[in-house]
């Protein structure tokens, strides 16, 4: 005997599977792990995923949960450096005052940013990024390019004011910032302070004086 239609139980409506909202603690925990990982990267070797997990005091699966693979860990470290350096770059981009003191001030912001924000991250980015298909460009986008683009804005402002001759601001920024970055790496991460010490202010003065002499617009009498 067939069941009557009234006795057939209606199928329960399927529940929509909603993505679980990210817990508020997730970002806090990720940042805590990142702080421990950064210190491990500053040692003179290239740590494995297992060594990074040990430094963070978690298991490898936990580290993968927060960062993905090793490349994701390095990318997160460089992104953290970008955030640390942002206040210095904001100042480096601002054309404050006449041309010569302004350029001097801008380059000193690059020096200060290296000392207090991104210095060690240059070493990480170069170690991990050279010849790497994705980490090399990521290092450029998070560390080098932001500094260059900030200084390009400062140079363009002085061109717009008529204080600087028309110049390719990208080439000019490269010519001014590259020696400063190399000098800071030389003195710090490469140990030059012990081998052949120098003073960043003297280099900045040399670069600015020569640049202004070549490209500055003389003040009208």
C-alpha atoms as a PDB file:
ATOM      1  CA  UNK A   1       0.000   0.000   0.000  1.00  0.00           C
ATOM      2  CA  UNK A   2       1.441   3.323  -1.001  1.00  0.00           C
ATOM      3  CA  UNK A   3       1.926   6.058   1.504  1.00  0.00           C
ATOM      4  CA  UNK A   4      -0.481   8.929   1.265  1.00  0.00           C
ATOM      5  CA  UNK A   5       0.895  12.257   0.261  1.00  0.00           C
ATOM      6  CA  UNK A   6       0.035  13.644   3.671  1.00  0.00           C
ATOM      7  CA  UNK A   7       2.334  11.152   5.356  1.00  0.00           C
ATOM      8  CA  UNK A   8       5.388  12.102   3.347  1.00  0.00           C
ATOM      9  CA  UNK A   9       7.646  14.263   5.407  1.00  0.00           C
ATOM     10  CA  UNK A  10       8.654  17.464   3.631  1.00  0.00           C
ATOM     11  CA  UNK A  11      12.343  17.771   2.954  1.00  0.00           C
ATOM     12  CA  UNK A  12      14.091  20.206   5.204  1.00  0.00           C
ATOM     13  CA  UNK A  13      15.208  23.277   3.311  1.00  0.00           C
ATOM     14  CA  UNK A  14      18.974  23.198   2.832  1.00  0.00           C
ATOM     15  CA  UNK A  15      20.828  25.808   4.816  1.00  0.00           C
ATOM     16  CA  UNK A  16      23.053  28.188   2.943  1.00  0.00           C
ATOM     17  CA  UNK A  17      26.656  27.670   3.884  1.00  0.00           C
ATOM     18  CA  UNK A  18      27.924  31.065   4.908  1.00  0.00           C
ATOM     19  CA  UNK A  19      31.638  31.788   5.143  1.00  0.00           C
ATOM     20  CA  UNK A  20      32.749  31.841   8.731  1.00  0.00           C
ATOM     21  CA  UNK A  21      33.540  35.414   9.693  1.00  0.00           C
ATOM     22  CA  UNK A  22      37.188  36.034  10.451  1.00  0.00           C
ATOM     23  CA  UNK A  23      37.715  36.097  14.135  1.00  0.00           C
ATOM     24  CA  UNK A  24      38.812  39.373  15.613  1.00  0.00           C
ATOM     25  CA  UNK A  25      41.831  37.628  17.120  1.00  0.00           C
ATOM     26  CA  UNK A  26      43.078  36.449  13.718  1.00  0.00           C
ATOM     27  CA  UNK A  27      44.866  39.646  12.696  1.00  0.00           C
ATOM     28  CA  UNK A  28      46.260  40.138  16.193  1.00  0.00           C
ATOM     29  CA  UNK A  29      47.670  36.620  16.236  1.00  0.00           C
ATOM     30  CA  UNK A  30      49.065  36.978  12.726  1.00  0.00           C
ATOM     31  CA  UNK A  31      50.858  40.163  13.698  1.00  0.00           C
ATOM     32  CA  UNK A  32      52.310  38.531  16.786  1.00  0.00           C
ATOM     33  CA  UNK A  33      53.676  35.687  14.673  1.00  0.00           C
ATOM     34  CA  UNK A  34      55.027  38.157  12.140  1.00  0.00           C
ATOM     35  CA  UNK A  35      56.983  40.008  14.814  1.00  0.00           C
ATOM     36  CA  UNK A  36      58.765  36.797  15.819  1.00  0.00           C
ATOM     37  CA  UNK A  37      59.349  35.777  12.211  1.00  0.00           C
ATOM     38  CA  UNK A  38      60.938  39.113  11.280  1.00  0.00           C
ATOM     39  CA  UNK A  39      63.584  38.647  13.946  1.00  0.00           C
ATOM     40  CA  UNK A  40      64.415  35.214  12.549  1.00  0.00           C
ATOM     41  CA  UNK A  41      64.825  36.606   9.041  1.00  0.00           C
ATOM     42  CA  UNK A  42      67.399  39.078  10.307  1.00  0.00           C
ATOM     43  CA  UNK A  43      69.799  36.262  11.090  1.00  0.00           C
ATOM     44  CA  UNK A  44      72.451  35.593   8.408  1.00  0.00           C
ATOM     45  CA  UNK A  45      70.862  32.565   6.750  1.00  0.00           C
ATOM     46  CA  UNK A  46      67.722  31.709   4.801  1.00  0.00           C
ATOM     47  CA  UNK A  47      65.412  29.976   7.273  1.00  0.00           C
ATOM     48  CA  UNK A  48      63.220  27.079   6.212  1.00  0.00           C
ATOM     49  CA  UNK A  49      59.496  26.956   6.914  1.00  0.00           C
ATOM     50  CA  UNK A  50      60.203  24.664   9.862  1.00  0.00           C
ATOM     51  CA  UNK A  51      62.763  27.097  11.289  1.00  0.00           C
ATOM     52  CA  UNK A  52      60.318  29.985  10.865  1.00  0.00           C
ATOM     53  CA  UNK A  53      57.650  28.002  12.686  1.00  0.00           C
ATOM     54  CA  UNK A  54      60.102  27.317  15.510  1.00  0.00           C
ATOM     55  CA  UNK A  55      60.935  31.026  15.722  1.00  0.00           C
ATOM     56  CA  UNK A  56      57.223  31.844  15.871  1.00  0.00           C
ATOM     57  CA  UNK A  57      56.708  29.118  18.494  1.00  0.00           C
ATOM     58  CA  UNK A  58      53.990  27.405  16.480  1.00  0.00           C
ATOM     59  CA  UNK A  59      53.696  24.334  14.276  1.00  0.00           C
ATOM     60  CA  UNK A  60      54.283  24.447  10.521  1.00  0.00           C
ATOM     61  CA  UNK A  61      50.550  23.844   9.817  1.00  0.00           C
ATOM     62  CA  UNK A  62      49.687  26.812  12.053  1.00  0.00           C
ATOM     63  CA  UNK A  63      52.167  28.990  10.208  1.00  0.00           C
ATOM     64  CA  UNK A  64      50.645  27.888   6.902  1.00  0.00           C
ATOM     65  CA  UNK A  65      47.209  28.745   8.236  1.00  0.00           C
ATOM     66  CA  UNK A  66      48.231  32.365   8.772  1.00  0.00           C
ATOM     67  CA  UNK A  67      50.623  32.918   5.871  1.00  0.00           C
ATOM     68  CA  UNK A  68      50.298  30.111   3.341  1.00  0.00           C
ATOM     69  CA  UNK A  69      53.642  28.906   1.989  1.00  0.00           C
ATOM     70  CA  UNK A  70      57.131  30.289   2.611  1.00  0.00           C
ATOM     71  CA  UNK A  71      56.709  32.818  -0.167  1.00  0.00           C
ATOM     72  CA  UNK A  72      53.619  34.082   1.629  1.00  0.00           C
ATOM     73  CA  UNK A  73      55.653  34.527   4.788  1.00  0.00           C
ATOM     74  CA  UNK A  74      58.294  36.599   2.993  1.00  0.00           C
ATOM     75  CA  UNK A  75      55.607  38.678   1.278  1.00  0.00           C
ATOM     76  CA  UNK A  76      54.001  39.403   4.645  1.00  0.00           C
ATOM     77  CA  UNK A  77      57.369  40.450   6.087  1.00  0.00           C
ATOM     78  CA  UNK A  78      57.942  42.885   3.210  1.00  0.00           C
ATOM     79  CA  UNK A  79      54.396  44.244   3.486  1.00  0.00           C
ATOM     80  CA  UNK A  80      55.074  44.895   7.163  1.00  0.00           C
ATOM     81  CA  UNK A  81      58.206  46.822   6.183  1.00  0.00           C
ATOM     82  CA  UNK A  82      56.141  48.923   3.791  1.00  0.00           C
ATOM     83  CA  UNK A  83      53.789  49.858   6.613  1.00  0.00           C
ATOM     84  CA  UNK A  84      56.690  50.725   8.914  1.00  0.00           C
ATOM     85  CA  UNK A  85      58.292  52.967   6.299  1.00  0.00           C
ATOM     86  CA  UNK A  86      55.120  54.783   5.217  1.00  0.00           C
ATOM     87  CA  UNK A  87      55.446  57.732   7.661  1.00  0.00           C
ATOM     88  CA  UNK A  88      59.008  58.416   6.502  1.00  0.00           C
ATOM     89  CA  UNK A  89      57.978  58.243   2.843  1.00  0.00           C
ATOM     90  CA  UNK A  90      55.139  60.676   3.435  1.00  0.00           C
ATOM     91  CA  UNK A  91      57.699  63.178   4.710  1.00  0.00           C
ATOM     92  CA  UNK A  92      60.123  62.368   1.885  1.00  0.00           C
ATOM     93  CA  UNK A  93      57.438  63.241  -0.666  1.00  0.00           C
ATOM     94  CA  UNK A  94      56.657  66.655   0.805  1.00  0.00           C
ATOM     95  CA  UNK A  95      58.592  69.540  -0.750  1.00  0.00           C
ATOM     96  CA  UNK A  96      59.246  71.695   2.295  1.00  0.00           C
ATOM     97  CA  UNK A  97      61.005  74.981   1.678  1.00  0.00           C
ATOM     98  CA  UNK A  98      63.545  76.047  -0.970  1.00  0.00           C
ATOM     99  CA  UNK A  99      65.148  73.504  -3.283  1.00  0.00           C
ATOM    100  CA  UNK A 100      68.493  72.777  -1.608  1.00  0.00           C
ATOM    101  CA  UNK A 101      67.330  72.375   2.005  1.00  0.00           C
ATOM    102  CA  UNK A 102      64.273  70.522   0.760  1.00  0.00           C
ATOM    103  CA  UNK A 103      66.330  67.920  -1.091  1.00  0.00           C
ATOM    104  CA  UNK A 104      68.604  67.577   1.901  1.00  0.00           C
ATOM    105  CA  UNK A 105      65.606  67.048   4.173  1.00  0.00           C
ATOM    106  CA  UNK A 106      64.071  64.509   1.795  1.00  0.00           C
ATOM    107  CA  UNK A 107      67.206  62.401   1.599  1.00  0.00           C
ATOM    108  CA  UNK A 108      67.576  62.484   5.363  1.00  0.00           C
ATOM    109  CA  UNK A 109      64.082  61.030   5.593  1.00  0.00           C
ATOM    110  CA  UNK A 110      65.368  58.124   3.499  1.00  0.00           C
ATOM    111  CA  UNK A 111      68.247  57.762   5.952  1.00  0.00           C
ATOM    112  CA  UNK A 112      65.933  57.876   8.956  1.00  0.00           C
ATOM    113  CA  UNK A 113      63.548  55.430   7.335  1.00  0.00           C
ATOM    114  CA  UNK A 114      66.415  53.020   6.799  1.00  0.00           C
ATOM    115  CA  UNK A 115      67.586  53.329  10.385  1.00  0.00           C
ATOM    116  CA  UNK A 116      64.215  53.040  12.083  1.00  0.00           C
ATOM    117  CA  UNK A 117      61.973  51.152   9.664  1.00  0.00           C
ATOM    118  CA  UNK A 118      63.199  49.342   6.556  1.00  0.00           C
ATOM    119  CA  UNK A 119      66.963  48.842   6.846  1.00  0.00           C
ATOM    120  CA  UNK A 120      66.917  45.167   7.745  1.00  0.00           C
ATOM    121  CA  UNK A 121      64.131  44.559   5.268  1.00  0.00           C
ATOM    122  CA  UNK A 122      66.365  45.645   2.391  1.00  0.00           C
ATOM    123  CA  UNK A 123      68.631  42.755   3.305  1.00  0.00           C
ATOM    124  CA  UNK A 124      65.654  40.371   3.469  1.00  0.00           C
ATOM    125  CA  UNK A 125      64.256  41.632   0.172  1.00  0.00           C
ATOM    126  CA  UNK A 126      67.569  41.349  -1.648  1.00  0.00           C
ATOM    127  CA  UNK A 127      68.360  37.930  -0.193  1.00  0.00           C
ATOM    128  CA  UNK A 128      64.948  36.522  -1.003  1.00  0.00           C
ATOM    129  CA  UNK A 129      64.116  38.562  -4.091  1.00  0.00           C
ATOM    130  CA  UNK A 130      67.163  38.409  -6.347  1.00  0.00           C
ATOM    131  CA  UNK A 131      66.361  36.163  -9.327  1.00  0.00           C
ATOM    132  CA  UNK A 132      63.008  35.194  -7.766  1.00  0.00           C
ATOM    133  CA  UNK A 133      60.050  35.489 -10.131  1.00  0.00           C
ATOM    134  CA  UNK A 134      57.577  36.930  -7.626  1.00  0.00           C
ATOM    135  CA  UNK A 135      59.489  38.007  -4.526  1.00  0.00           C
ATOM    136  CA  UNK A 136      61.831  40.247  -6.517  1.00  0.00           C
ATOM    137  CA  UNK A 137      58.968  42.340  -7.906  1.00  0.00           C
ATOM    138  CA  UNK A 138      57.275  42.280  -4.510  1.00  0.00           C
ATOM    139  CA  UNK A 139      60.410  43.730  -2.902  1.00  0.00           C
ATOM    140  CA  UNK A 140      60.440  46.462  -5.532  1.00  0.00           C
ATOM    141  CA  UNK A 141      56.774  47.278  -4.973  1.00  0.00           C
ATOM    142  CA  UNK A 142      56.935  47.382  -1.175  1.00  0.00           C
ATOM    143  CA  UNK A 143      60.387  48.820  -0.431  1.00  0.00           C
ATOM    144  CA  UNK A 144      62.251  50.393  -3.366  1.00  0.00           C
ATOM    145  CA  UNK A 145      59.524  51.790  -5.597  1.00  0.00           C
ATOM    146  CA  UNK A 146      57.636  53.602  -2.809  1.00  0.00           C
ATOM    147  CA  UNK A 147      60.833  55.448  -1.871  1.00  0.00           C
ATOM    148  CA  UNK A 148      61.550  56.407  -5.470  1.00  0.00           C
ATOM    149  CA  UNK A 149      57.991  57.517  -6.137  1.00  0.00           C
ATOM    150  CA  UNK A 150      57.907  59.589  -2.961  1.00  0.00           C
ATOM    151  CA  UNK A 151      61.040  61.447  -3.986  1.00  0.00           C
ATOM    152  CA  UNK A 152      59.742  61.891  -7.516  1.00  0.00           C
ATOM    153  CA  UNK A 153      56.805  63.828  -6.034  1.00  0.00           C
ATOM    154  CA  UNK A 154      59.195  66.113  -4.168  1.00  0.00           C
ATOM    155  CA  UNK A 155      61.256  66.765  -7.285  1.00  0.00           C
ATOM    156  CA  UNK A 156      58.169  67.411  -9.409  1.00  0.00           C
ATOM    157  CA  UNK A 157      56.915  69.966  -6.882  1.00  0.00           C
ATOM    158  CA  UNK A 158      60.168  71.927  -7.238  1.00  0.00           C
ATOM    159  CA  UNK A 159      59.923  71.759 -11.028  1.00  0.00           C
ATOM    160  CA  UNK A 160      56.372  73.101 -10.827  1.00  0.00           C
ATOM    161  CA  UNK A 161      57.599  75.964  -8.662  1.00  0.00           C
ATOM    162  CA  UNK A 162      60.259  76.864 -11.203  1.00  0.00           C
ATOM    163  CA  UNK A 163      63.101  76.060  -8.801  1.00  0.00           C
ATOM    164  CA  UNK A 164      64.328  73.052 -10.753  1.00  0.00           C
ATOM    165  CA  UNK A 165      65.007  72.660 -14.464  1.00  0.00           C
ATOM    166  CA  UNK A 166      62.818  70.145 -16.303  1.00  0.00           C
ATOM    167  CA  UNK A 167      64.371  66.794 -15.494  1.00  0.00           C
ATOM    168  CA  UNK A 168      63.294  63.184 -15.703  1.00  0.00           C
ATOM    169  CA  UNK A 169      62.168  62.858 -12.094  1.00  0.00           C
ATOM    170  CA  UNK A 170      62.494  59.077 -12.093  1.00  0.00           C
ATOM    171  CA  UNK A 171      66.110  59.186 -13.223  1.00  0.00           C
ATOM    172  CA  UNK A 172      66.848  62.010 -10.803  1.00  0.00           C
ATOM    173  CA  UNK A 173      65.268  60.126  -7.894  1.00  0.00           C
ATOM    174  CA  UNK A 174      67.289  57.029  -8.763  1.00  0.00           C
ATOM    175  CA  UNK A 175      70.475  59.097  -8.932  1.00  0.00           C
ATOM    176  CA  UNK A 176      69.868  60.663  -5.530  1.00  0.00           C
ATOM    177  CA  UNK A 177      68.391  57.780  -3.532  1.00  0.00           C
ATOM    178  CA  UNK A 178      70.486  54.858  -4.815  1.00  0.00           C
ATOM    179  CA  UNK A 179      73.775  56.108  -3.309  1.00  0.00           C
ATOM    180  CA  UNK A 180      72.014  56.730   0.001  1.00  0.00           C
ATOM    181  CA  UNK A 181      70.510  53.240   0.154  1.00  0.00           C
ATOM    182  CA  UNK A 182      73.828  51.663  -0.846  1.00  0.00           C
ATOM    183  CA  UNK A 183      75.676  53.729   1.752  1.00  0.00           C
ATOM    184  CA  UNK A 184      73.255  52.710   4.499  1.00  0.00           C
ATOM    185  CA  UNK A 185      73.575  49.035   3.574  1.00  0.00           C
ATOM    186  CA  UNK A 186      77.360  49.464   3.434  1.00  0.00           C
ATOM    187  CA  UNK A 187      77.511  51.014   6.891  1.00  0.00           C
ATOM    188  CA  UNK A 188      74.894  48.828   8.548  1.00  0.00           C
ATOM    189  CA  UNK A 189      73.898  45.428   7.202  1.00  0.00           C
ATOM    190  CA  UNK A 190      77.231  44.879   5.407  1.00  0.00           C
ATOM    191  CA  UNK A 191      79.359  45.928   8.368  1.00  0.00           C
ATOM    192  CA  UNK A 192      80.985  48.973   6.796  1.00  0.00           C
ATOM    193  CA  UNK A 193      80.821  50.923  10.045  1.00  0.00           C
ATOM    194  CA  UNK A 194      83.635  48.659  11.236  1.00  0.00           C
ATOM    195  CA  UNK A 195      85.489  48.393   7.916  1.00  0.00           C
ATOM    196  CA  UNK A 196      85.316  51.941   6.604  1.00  0.00           C
ATOM    197  CA  UNK A 197      82.990  54.186   8.597  1.00  0.00           C
ATOM    198  CA  UNK A 198      81.319  57.186   7.062  1.00  0.00           C
ATOM    199  CA  UNK A 199      78.698  59.822   7.833  1.00  0.00           C
ATOM    200  CA  UNK A 200      75.375  59.858   6.002  1.00  0.00           C
ATOM    201  CA  UNK A 201      75.038  63.631   6.330  1.00  0.00           C
ATOM    202  CA  UNK A 202      78.273  64.147   4.398  1.00  0.00           C
ATOM    203  CA  UNK A 203      77.045  61.958   1.540  1.00  0.00           C
ATOM    204  CA  UNK A 204      73.699  63.755   1.444  1.00  0.00           C
ATOM    205  CA  UNK A 205      75.447  67.135   1.345  1.00  0.00           C
ATOM    206  CA  UNK A 206      77.657  65.968  -1.535  1.00  0.00           C
ATOM    207  CA  UNK A 207      74.702  64.628  -3.552  1.00  0.00           C
ATOM    208  CA  UNK A 208      72.481  67.661  -3.021  1.00  0.00           C
ATOM    209  CA  UNK A 209      75.206  70.223  -3.758  1.00  0.00           C
ATOM    210  CA  UNK A 210      76.100  68.566  -7.050  1.00  0.00           C
ATOM    211  CA  UNK A 211      72.484  68.060  -8.089  1.00  0.00           C
ATOM    212  CA  UNK A 212      71.444  71.630  -7.351  1.00  0.00           C
ATOM    213  CA  UNK A 213      74.488  72.967  -9.224  1.00  0.00           C
ATOM    214  CA  UNK A 214      73.528  70.931 -12.284  1.00  0.00           C
ATOM    215  CA  UNK A 215      69.725  71.262 -12.263  1.00  0.00           C
ATOM    216  CA  UNK A 216      68.756  74.111  -9.971  1.00  0.00           C
ATOM    217  CA  UNK A 217      67.316  77.292 -11.460  1.00  0.00           C
ATOM    218  CA  UNK A 218      69.366  80.310 -10.274  1.00  0.00           C
ATOM    219  CA  UNK A 219      67.370  82.803  -8.252  1.00  0.00           C
ATOM    220  CA  UNK A 220      66.515  85.889 -10.254  1.00  0.00           C
ATOM    221  CA  UNK A 221      68.333  89.020  -9.196  1.00  0.00           C
END
